[in-house]
Amino acid sequence: MRSKVAVWPSRDSPVSVATWLREVAALSRVHKSPPPFPENAARGKGQPVIVLPGFCSPETSTARLRAFLSRQGFDTHSWDCGPNIGPTATMLSEFECKLKDTVQACGRPVSLVGLSLGGTIAREMAKRHPADVARVVTLASPIRLPVATPLAPLAKFATLVWASEARSALTRVAEPPPVPLTAIVNPNDGVVDWRACMPDPAKNVEVVMIAGAHMTMGSNPEAQLVVAARLARAK
């Protein structure tokens, strides 16, 4: 029997159709007028970074965050796997090749930054290939399943094409990866119940609370400050 990934929000849930509509409006505003990049952000020294998009989001959804990280001196890459519909067999194979190729080209481990489901996948990749991943930063990424979300019906259909090994790993998704992890958690999240994004305390795990919209977290200057600061620690 398959484990449930998502469930429809209950009446007392912090997310609903109304909060999702609020998120869509916030995304529209940011598209029209993106906030300026923070001027006091940490600078990198060419550390390689791959940025993973959120659920059903195209690679263009990470463009703003990638532009910021490149501006700060990081060697920034898209994940090159198209829209993120979850861990299908094809996606897992393609991203593992992307990770390996980037490590080989750069000559050192790569940091992974994931938005929403992208962060959940980044954590799992760090478990599979710890020698290739320097650190992981997740932004509003659910790890406690099933997660309450108004996107539950869409998630239910998406899981039908997920790789069987990925579905079996769901029972262990909350286990931290063996690399430094920073989890940015949004208490105002309008897409997923923010409590599903809270990792358990662990030696290499850090939680940073940043309020804002789930769909625009990659454009949030506060989140960008944290991402740059943590990535700058990678050697």
Protein backbone atom coordinates (compact mmCIF):
# COMPACT_ATOMS: atom_id res chain seq x y z
CA MET A 1 0.00 0.00 0.00
CA ARG A 2 1.41 3.39 -0.98
CA SER A 3 2.12 5.98 1.69
CA LYS A 4 0.19 9.20 1.32
CA VAL A 5 2.30 12.19 0.36
CA ALA A 6 -0.35 14.86 0.88
CA VAL A 7 -3.80 15.27 2.36
CA TRP A 8 -6.52 17.89 1.98
CA PRO A 9 -6.27 20.48 4.80
CA SER A 10 -8.60 20.04 7.75
CA ARG A 11 -10.66 22.95 9.07
CA ASP A 12 -8.04 23.82 11.68
CA SER A 13 -5.13 23.64 9.23
CA PRO A 14 -3.08 26.82 8.63
CA VAL A 15 -3.41 26.26 4.86
CA SER A 16 -6.51 26.29 2.66
CA VAL A 17 -7.73 27.30 -0.78
CA ALA A 18 -7.87 30.88 0.51
CA THR A 19 -4.19 30.84 1.54
CA TRP A 20 -3.24 29.29 -1.80
CA LEU A 21 -5.02 32.12 -3.62
CA ARG A 22 -3.09 34.55 -1.43
CA GLU A 23 0.10 32.85 -2.59
CA VAL A 24 -0.86 33.18 -6.25
CA ALA A 25 -1.47 36.90 -5.74
CA ALA A 26 1.92 37.29 -4.03
CA LEU A 27 3.64 35.49 -6.90
CA SER A 28 1.98 37.81 -9.40
CA ARG A 29 3.18 40.87 -7.48
CA VAL A 30 6.76 39.60 -7.33
CA HIS A 31 6.76 38.82 -11.05
CA LYS A 32 5.68 42.38 -11.79
CA SER A 33 8.01 44.02 -9.29
CA PRO A 34 10.68 41.74 -7.77
CA PRO A 35 12.31 43.01 -4.57
CA PRO A 36 15.91 44.20 -4.90
CA PHE A 37 18.72 41.87 -3.95
CA PRO A 38 20.13 42.47 -0.45
CA GLU A 39 23.32 44.53 -0.60
CA ASN A 40 24.90 43.10 2.55
CA ALA A 41 24.81 39.43 1.53
CA ALA A 42 27.78 37.12 1.92
CA ARG A 43 29.94 36.62 -1.13
CA GLY A 44 31.09 33.32 -2.49
CA LYS A 45 34.42 32.25 -3.93
CA GLY A 46 33.20 30.21 -6.85
CA GLN A 47 31.59 27.45 -4.80
CA PRO A 48 29.36 25.35 -7.11
CA VAL A 49 25.64 25.38 -6.37
CA ILE A 50 22.68 23.64 -8.02
CA VAL A 51 19.22 25.12 -7.45
CA LEU A 52 16.16 22.83 -7.57
CA PRO A 53 12.63 24.16 -8.29
CA GLY A 54 9.48 23.42 -6.32
CA PHE A 55 6.59 21.08 -7.10
CA CYS A 56 5.32 21.44 -10.68
CA SER A 57 7.52 24.50 -11.12
CA PRO A 58 9.70 25.06 -14.20
CA GLU A 59 13.38 25.86 -14.08
CA THR A 60 12.59 29.51 -14.75
CA SER A 61 11.03 29.68 -11.27
CA THR A 62 14.55 29.56 -9.77
CA ALA A 63 15.97 32.22 -12.12
CA ARG A 64 15.77 35.05 -9.60
CA LEU A 65 17.57 33.09 -6.88
CA ARG A 66 20.17 31.82 -9.33
CA ALA A 67 20.80 35.36 -10.59
CA PHE A 68 21.34 36.54 -7.01
CA LEU A 69 23.75 33.71 -6.18
CA SER A 70 25.72 34.28 -9.38
CA ARG A 71 25.90 37.99 -8.50
CA GLN A 72 27.37 37.03 -5.14
CA GLY A 73 30.18 35.04 -6.70
CA PHE A 74 28.85 31.48 -6.58
CA ASP A 75 29.16 29.10 -9.54
CA THR A 76 25.40 28.67 -9.94
CA HIS A 77 23.65 25.98 -11.99
CA SER A 78 20.09 25.07 -12.89
CA TRP A 79 19.12 21.47 -12.22
CA ASP A 80 18.39 20.85 -15.96
CA CYS A 81 15.55 18.39 -15.32
CA GLY A 82 12.59 20.50 -16.47
CA PRO A 83 9.45 21.02 -14.38
CA ASN A 84 9.64 19.27 -11.03
CA ILE A 85 6.81 16.74 -10.90
CA GLY A 86 8.64 14.75 -8.25
CA PRO A 87 11.14 11.88 -8.10
CA THR A 88 10.33 9.97 -11.26
CA ALA A 89 12.88 7.41 -12.41
CA THR A 90 13.89 9.68 -15.29
CA MET A 91 14.34 12.71 -13.07
CA LEU A 92 16.39 10.81 -10.50
CA SER A 93 18.68 9.45 -13.21
CA GLU A 94 19.08 12.82 -14.93
CA PHE A 95 19.76 14.70 -11.72
CA GLU A 96 22.27 12.16 -10.48
CA CYS A 97 24.12 12.62 -13.79
CA LYS A 98 23.88 16.41 -13.39
CA LEU A 99 25.31 16.20 -9.88
CA LYS A 100 28.14 13.88 -10.89
CA ASP A 101 29.02 15.95 -13.96
CA THR A 102 29.06 19.18 -11.96
CA VAL A 103 31.28 17.68 -9.28
CA GLN A 104 33.68 16.39 -11.93
CA ALA A 105 33.76 19.70 -13.80
CA CYS A 106 34.27 21.77 -10.64
CA GLY A 107 36.59 19.36 -8.89
CA ARG A 108 34.79 19.60 -5.56
CA PRO A 109 31.46 18.79 -3.88
CA VAL A 110 28.40 20.82 -4.83
CA SER A 111 25.91 22.57 -2.56
CA LEU A 112 22.21 21.97 -3.23
CA VAL A 113 19.54 24.63 -2.71
CA GLY A 114 15.97 23.41 -3.05
CA LEU A 115 12.67 25.26 -3.09
CA SER A 116 9.75 23.32 -1.56
CA LEU A 117 9.76 19.79 -3.07
CA GLY A 118 13.12 20.63 -4.62
CA GLY A 119 14.56 20.83 -1.13
CA THR A 120 13.03 17.50 -0.18
CA ILE A 121 14.69 15.93 -3.21
CA ALA A 122 17.98 17.69 -2.42
CA ARG A 123 18.00 16.10 1.03
CA GLU A 124 17.50 12.65 -0.47
CA MET A 125 20.26 13.19 -3.03
CA ALA A 126 22.64 14.16 -0.23
CA LYS A 127 21.82 10.85 1.47
CA ARG A 128 22.53 8.93 -1.72
CA HIS A 129 25.71 10.79 -2.64
CA PRO A 130 27.15 12.39 0.51
CA ALA A 131 30.66 12.62 -0.96
CA ASP A 132 29.33 14.78 -3.81
CA VAL A 133 27.26 17.21 -1.73
CA ALA A 134 28.92 19.94 0.36
CA ARG A 135 25.75 21.14 2.10
CA VAL A 136 22.00 21.48 1.60
CA VAL A 137 19.74 24.51 2.03
CA THR A 138 15.98 23.97 1.83
CA LEU A 139 13.30 26.64 1.55
CA ALA A 140 9.82 25.66 2.80
CA SER A 141 10.46 22.00 2.03
CA PRO A 142 8.05 19.41 3.51
CA ILE A 143 9.58 16.36 5.17
CA ARG A 144 6.77 15.18 7.46
CA LEU A 145 4.25 13.22 5.47
CA PRO A 146 1.46 13.33 4.68
CA VAL A 147 1.60 17.12 4.41
CA ALA A 148 -1.59 19.16 4.50
CA THR A 149 -1.88 21.24 1.33
CA PRO A 150 -4.59 22.46 -1.07
CA LEU A 151 -2.43 20.91 -3.80
CA ALA A 152 -3.14 17.42 -2.41
CA PRO A 153 -5.23 16.26 -5.43
CA LEU A 154 -2.42 17.27 -7.81
CA ALA A 155 0.18 15.58 -5.61
CA LYS A 156 -1.87 12.37 -5.58
CA PHE A 157 -1.74 12.12 -9.37
CA ALA A 158 1.95 13.10 -9.52
CA THR A 159 2.96 10.24 -7.21
CA LEU A 160 1.57 7.74 -9.71
CA VAL A 161 4.64 8.30 -11.89
CA TRP A 162 7.21 8.45 -9.09
CA ALA A 163 9.92 5.81 -8.98
CA SER A 164 9.10 2.88 -6.69
CA GLU A 165 12.34 3.39 -4.77
CA ALA A 166 11.38 7.01 -4.14
CA ARG A 167 7.97 6.02 -2.81
CA SER A 168 9.55 3.49 -0.46
CA ALA A 169 11.94 6.17 0.81
CA LEU A 170 9.02 8.28 2.00
CA THR A 171 9.03 6.51 5.36
CA ARG A 172 12.58 7.82 5.93
CA VAL A 173 12.26 11.27 4.36
CA ALA A 174 12.50 13.10 7.71
CA GLU A 175 15.91 11.56 8.47
CA PRO A 176 18.57 14.26 8.00
CA PRO A 177 21.29 13.90 5.36
CA PRO A 178 24.89 13.31 6.51
CA VAL A 179 25.94 16.83 5.42
CA PRO A 180 25.28 20.29 6.91
CA LEU A 181 21.62 21.22 6.42
CA THR A 182 19.90 24.58 6.79
CA ALA A 183 16.10 24.41 6.69
CA ILE A 184 14.34 27.73 6.09
CA VAL A 185 10.83 27.34 7.47
CA ASN A 186 8.01 29.79 6.73
CA PRO A 187 5.44 30.16 9.54
CA ASN A 188 3.15 32.06 7.13
CA ASP A 189 3.28 29.37 4.45
CA GLY A 190 0.10 29.31 2.39
CA VAL A 191 0.82 26.17 0.35
CA VAL A 192 2.03 23.56 2.84
CA ASP A 193 1.49 23.29 6.57
CA TRP A 194 4.73 24.83 7.86
CA ARG A 195 4.94 22.26 10.66
CA ALA A 196 5.59 19.60 8.01
CA CYS A 197 8.83 21.43 7.14
CA MET A 198 10.33 21.35 10.66
CA PRO A 199 13.24 18.91 10.95
CA ASP A 200 14.13 17.17 14.18
CA PRO A 201 17.12 18.58 16.08
CA ALA A 202 20.36 17.01 14.91
CA LYS A 203 24.07 17.78 14.94
CA ASN A 204 24.32 19.22 11.42
CA VAL A 205 20.77 20.62 11.19
CA GLU A 206 19.90 24.31 11.50
CA VAL A 207 16.40 25.82 11.33
CA VAL A 208 15.83 29.45 10.30
CA MET A 209 12.32 30.91 10.51
CA ILE A 210 11.48 33.43 7.77
CA ALA A 211 7.93 34.66 7.22
CA GLY A 212 6.69 35.32 3.71
CA ALA A 213 4.95 33.66 0.79
CA HIS A 214 5.83 30.05 -0.08
CA MET A 215 5.79 30.70 -3.82
CA THR A 216 8.15 33.69 -3.61
CA MET A 217 10.64 32.42 -1.03
CA GLY A 218 13.43 32.32 -3.61
CA SER A 219 12.92 36.06 -4.21
CA ASN A 220 12.67 36.90 -0.50
CA PRO A 221 15.67 39.10 0.46
CA GLU A 222 15.75 37.66 3.99
CA ALA A 223 15.92 34.13 2.60
CA GLN A 224 18.57 35.19 0.07
CA LEU A 225 20.73 36.53 2.90
CA VAL A 226 20.57 33.20 4.72
CA VAL A 227 21.20 31.14 1.59
CA ALA A 228 24.27 33.16 0.63
CA ALA A 229 25.67 33.08 4.16
CA ARG A 230 25.37 29.31 4.42
CA LEU A 231 26.71 28.61 0.94
CA ALA A 232 29.73 30.81 1.64
CA ARG A 233 30.74 28.33 4.36
CA ALA A 234 31.29 25.60 1.77
CA LYS A 235 34.98 25.13 0.99
